[in-house]
Amino acid sequence: MKHLPPAVAAFTLALLAAPPALAMDQRQADALCATWKLDCPSGAAATSTGPGKGTGALECKVKGRPVKEGPAVTCKAGQALAWGDWKAGKKHGLHVTMRPNGSWTEERFEDGKLEGRSVEYSAAGQLLKDTSFQAGKKHGMERSYSADGKLTSEEVWAKGVKGKAPPLPSKADTKAAPGGAPAVPELEEADEVPAVPEPKPAEQKAQAPADSEGGSQANTPQP
């Protein structure tokens, strides 16, 4: 598989590889699991489920109703496994899920549907996958990376329908267009088809007498 030129790859990784700022980072989520206390917005109260302090779910719910409203965190032995915000009983904003191997995902929601970038990182903090969503469907670019940061696949999606990915640049001197998109390579001279000029009116008139007599004198047999 062909890869992006080093300069373009470095620019793309610099733009995408750094984890975005979290609404609640892991340190803060772990602190909630350790203290087993959660500050909720006005009109909501903290509730907990699970076998005991430090293990289970700590959530904010509308008073008198089983509707999540505000932050929530899932814990195990005092450490956060997942956290994010809820609005009117639906996921809203950033949600983070930690995996047993140390890797994690960051997903953004709007009114319960995935919206914007969803990313996956390795335990070492290396970006592994970057997917764009719109109204809960893949929309835009989806890129996958190896553990050492090399681009391994690139796909294009439009409202949940997979399209044809743009070809990766094959020439070292291909430059990226504004916004990081690879520029379209120019056609080589061998691929260009020269245009055939249209005959001018004067040339058409000059050919008319020869055509009316059945051909030119050069093609008429001589005695």
Foldseek 3Di string as FASTA:
>chain_A
DDFAFPVLLVVVCVVPLDDDDDPADQVRLLVCQQVVDDDFDPQWDWDFDDDDRSAGKIFIDGPPDRAGAFKMFGGDNSGTQKIAGDHRRAGAAWIKGADPQQKIKIFHDDRRATAAWIWIAHNVSGTAWIFGDDRRATAAKIWGADPVSTTDDIWHDHRNRTDDGDDHDPDNPFDADPPSHTDDDDDDPVPDDDDDDDDDPVVVVVCVVQVVVPHDPVPDDDD
